Amino acid sequence: MKGILFFLVLIAFLIACDTPADVVELDKTVALDEVFELQYGQGANVAEEGMKIYFTGVPENSRCPRYIACYCPGLVSVIIQVDNDDTI
């Protein structure tokens, strides 16, 4: 019984490692010189360049909340992933 349970947990772990935590969807197609916004978990396709840009994470956010007076404005850092269709 313990062997079966261990095997099921191992399979679940391996599947979880292969699946991205947040599925990012290509929501927009934009031009190379176009200004655009992405929400967390969204992506954009730059069609003429064969490039995909994804907003995948916010590892740090210490910004001051809206409508609150803070001593300093705080910092934010984001993770942007850029994929190119070209292969080497």
C-alpha atoms as a PDB file:
ATOM      1  CA  MET A   1       0.000   0.000   0.000  1.00  0.00           C
ATOM      2  CA  LYS A   2       2.823   2.414   0.863  1.00  0.00           C
ATOM      3  CA  GLY A   3       4.468   1.623  -2.473  1.00  0.00           C
ATOM      4  CA  ILE A   4       1.337   2.539  -4.424  1.00  0.00           C
ATOM      5  CA  LEU A   5       0.914   5.781  -2.468  1.00  0.00           C
ATOM      6  CA  PHE A   6       4.569   6.690  -3.040  1.00  0.00           C
ATOM      7  CA  PHE A   7       4.197   5.966  -6.755  1.00  0.00           C
ATOM      8  CA  LEU A   8       1.061   8.169  -7.042  1.00  0.00           C
ATOM      9  CA  VAL A   9       2.751  11.038  -5.190  1.00  0.00           C
ATOM     10  CA  LEU A  10       5.810  10.709  -7.433  1.00  0.00           C
ATOM     11  CA  ILE A  11       3.650  10.817 -10.588  1.00  0.00           C
ATOM     12  CA  ALA A  12       1.770  13.881  -9.287  1.00  0.00           C
ATOM     13  CA  PHE A  13       5.064  15.618  -8.498  1.00  0.00           C
ATOM     14  CA  LEU A  14       6.490  14.935 -11.950  1.00  0.00           C
ATOM     15  CA  ILE A  15       3.344  16.207 -13.656  1.00  0.00           C
ATOM     16  CA  ALA A  16       3.373  19.352 -11.504  1.00  0.00           C
ATOM     17  CA  CYS A  17       7.016  20.032 -12.407  1.00  0.00           C
ATOM     18  CA  ASP A  18       6.235  19.836 -16.116  1.00  0.00           C
ATOM     19  CA  THR A  19       3.185  22.131 -15.971  1.00  0.00           C
ATOM     20  CA  PRO A  20       3.682  25.901 -15.668  1.00  0.00           C
ATOM     21  CA  ALA A  21       2.211  27.398 -12.488  1.00  0.00           C
ATOM     22  CA  ASP A  22       0.406  30.150 -14.393  1.00  0.00           C
ATOM     23  CA  VAL A  23      -0.708  29.455 -17.916  1.00  0.00           C
ATOM     24  CA  VAL A  24       0.230  32.470 -19.996  1.00  0.00           C
ATOM     25  CA  GLU A  25      -1.974  33.203 -22.982  1.00  0.00           C
ATOM     26  CA  LEU A  26      -1.186  35.283 -26.041  1.00  0.00           C
ATOM     27  CA  ASP A  27      -3.917  37.897 -25.729  1.00  0.00           C
ATOM     28  CA  LYS A  28      -2.692  40.458 -28.249  1.00  0.00           C
ATOM     29  CA  THR A  29      -0.934  40.842 -31.558  1.00  0.00           C
ATOM     30  CA  VAL A  30       1.086  44.058 -31.649  1.00  0.00           C
ATOM     31  CA  ALA A  31       3.455  45.901 -33.961  1.00  0.00           C
ATOM     32  CA  LEU A  32       7.127  46.259 -33.056  1.00  0.00           C
ATOM     33  CA  ASP A  33       6.817  50.013 -32.465  1.00  0.00           C
ATOM     34  CA  GLU A  34       3.422  49.830 -30.719  1.00  0.00           C
ATOM     35  CA  VAL A  35       3.007  50.710 -27.032  1.00  0.00           C
ATOM     36  CA  PHE A  36       0.903  48.094 -25.212  1.00  0.00           C
ATOM     37  CA  GLU A  37       0.053  46.916 -21.705  1.00  0.00           C
ATOM     38  CA  LEU A  38       0.094  43.399 -20.311  1.00  0.00           C
ATOM     39  CA  GLN A  39      -1.589  42.191 -17.158  1.00  0.00           C
ATOM     40  CA  TYR A  40      -0.017  39.420 -15.078  1.00  0.00           C
ATOM     41  CA  GLY A  41      -0.330  36.154 -17.001  1.00  0.00           C
ATOM     42  CA  GLN A  42      -0.856  37.766 -20.409  1.00  0.00           C
ATOM     43  CA  GLY A  43       1.306  37.687 -23.487  1.00  0.00           C
ATOM     44  CA  ALA A  44       1.648  39.515 -26.784  1.00  0.00           C
ATOM     45  CA  ASN A  45       2.704  38.324 -30.207  1.00  0.00           C
ATOM     46  CA  VAL A  46       4.931  40.660 -32.257  1.00  0.00           C
ATOM     47  CA  ALA A  47       3.941  39.085 -35.546  1.00  0.00           C
ATOM     48  CA  GLU A  48       6.362  40.697 -37.999  1.00  0.00           C
ATOM     49  CA  GLU A  49       9.328  39.791 -35.778  1.00  0.00           C
ATOM     50  CA  GLY A  50       8.211  36.275 -34.805  1.00  0.00           C
ATOM     51  CA  MET A  51       8.561  37.251 -31.139  1.00  0.00           C
ATOM     52  CA  LYS A  52       6.351  36.513 -28.151  1.00  0.00           C
ATOM     53  CA  ILE A  53       6.472  38.599 -24.964  1.00  0.00           C
ATOM     54  CA  TYR A  54       5.035  37.275 -21.691  1.00  0.00           C
ATOM     55  CA  PHE A  55       4.467  38.960 -18.314  1.00  0.00           C
ATOM     56  CA  THR A  56       5.222  35.995 -16.050  1.00  0.00           C
ATOM     57  CA  GLY A  57       5.904  37.277 -12.557  1.00  0.00           C
ATOM     58  CA  VAL A  58       6.236  39.956  -9.896  1.00  0.00           C
ATOM     59  CA  PRO A  59       8.959  38.786  -7.492  1.00  0.00           C
ATOM     60  CA  GLU A  60       9.055  42.074  -5.571  1.00  0.00           C
ATOM     61  CA  ASN A  61       6.413  44.724  -4.955  1.00  0.00           C
ATOM     62  CA  SER A  62       6.955  47.196  -2.133  1.00  0.00           C
ATOM     63  CA  ARG A  63       5.064  50.093  -3.718  1.00  0.00           C
ATOM     64  CA  CYS A  64       2.966  52.386  -1.588  1.00  0.00           C
ATOM     65  CA  PRO A  65      -0.751  51.453  -1.681  1.00  0.00           C
ATOM     66  CA  ARG A  66      -3.121  53.750  -3.556  1.00  0.00           C
ATOM     67  CA  TYR A  67      -4.551  56.653  -1.524  1.00  0.00           C
ATOM     68  CA  ILE A  68      -1.913  56.255   1.224  1.00  0.00           C
ATOM     69  CA  ALA A  69       0.802  58.842   1.914  1.00  0.00           C
ATOM     70  CA  CYS A  70       4.142  57.018   2.189  1.00  0.00           C
ATOM     71  CA  TYR A  71       7.615  58.270   3.032  1.00  0.00           C
ATOM     72  CA  CYS A  72       9.085  56.653  -0.098  1.00  0.00           C
ATOM     73  CA  PRO A  73       7.285  55.323  -3.188  1.00  0.00           C
ATOM     74  CA  GLY A  74       8.747  51.773  -3.014  1.00  0.00           C
ATOM     75  CA  LEU A  75      10.009  49.423  -5.711  1.00  0.00           C
ATOM     76  CA  VAL A  76       8.567  46.863  -8.052  1.00  0.00           C
ATOM     77  CA  SER A  77      10.358  44.287 -10.199  1.00  0.00           C
ATOM     78  CA  VAL A  78       8.729  42.145 -12.853  1.00  0.00           C
ATOM     79  CA  ILE A  79       9.705  39.124 -14.933  1.00  0.00           C
ATOM     80  CA  ILE A  80       9.227  39.432 -18.672  1.00  0.00           C
ATOM     81  CA  GLN A  81       9.919  36.431 -20.899  1.00  0.00           C
ATOM     82  CA  VAL A  82      10.726  36.995 -24.581  1.00  0.00           C
ATOM     83  CA  ASP A  83      10.655  34.062 -27.008  1.00  0.00           C
ATOM     84  CA  ASN A  84      11.872  34.213 -30.588  1.00  0.00           C
ATOM     85  CA  ASP A  85      10.697  31.814 -33.290  1.00  0.00           C
ATOM     86  CA  ASP A  86      14.175  31.641 -34.846  1.00  0.00           C
ATOM     87  CA  THR A  87      16.166  28.494 -34.179  1.00  0.00           C
ATOM     88  CA  ILE A  88      19.930  28.168 -34.206  1.00  0.00           C
END
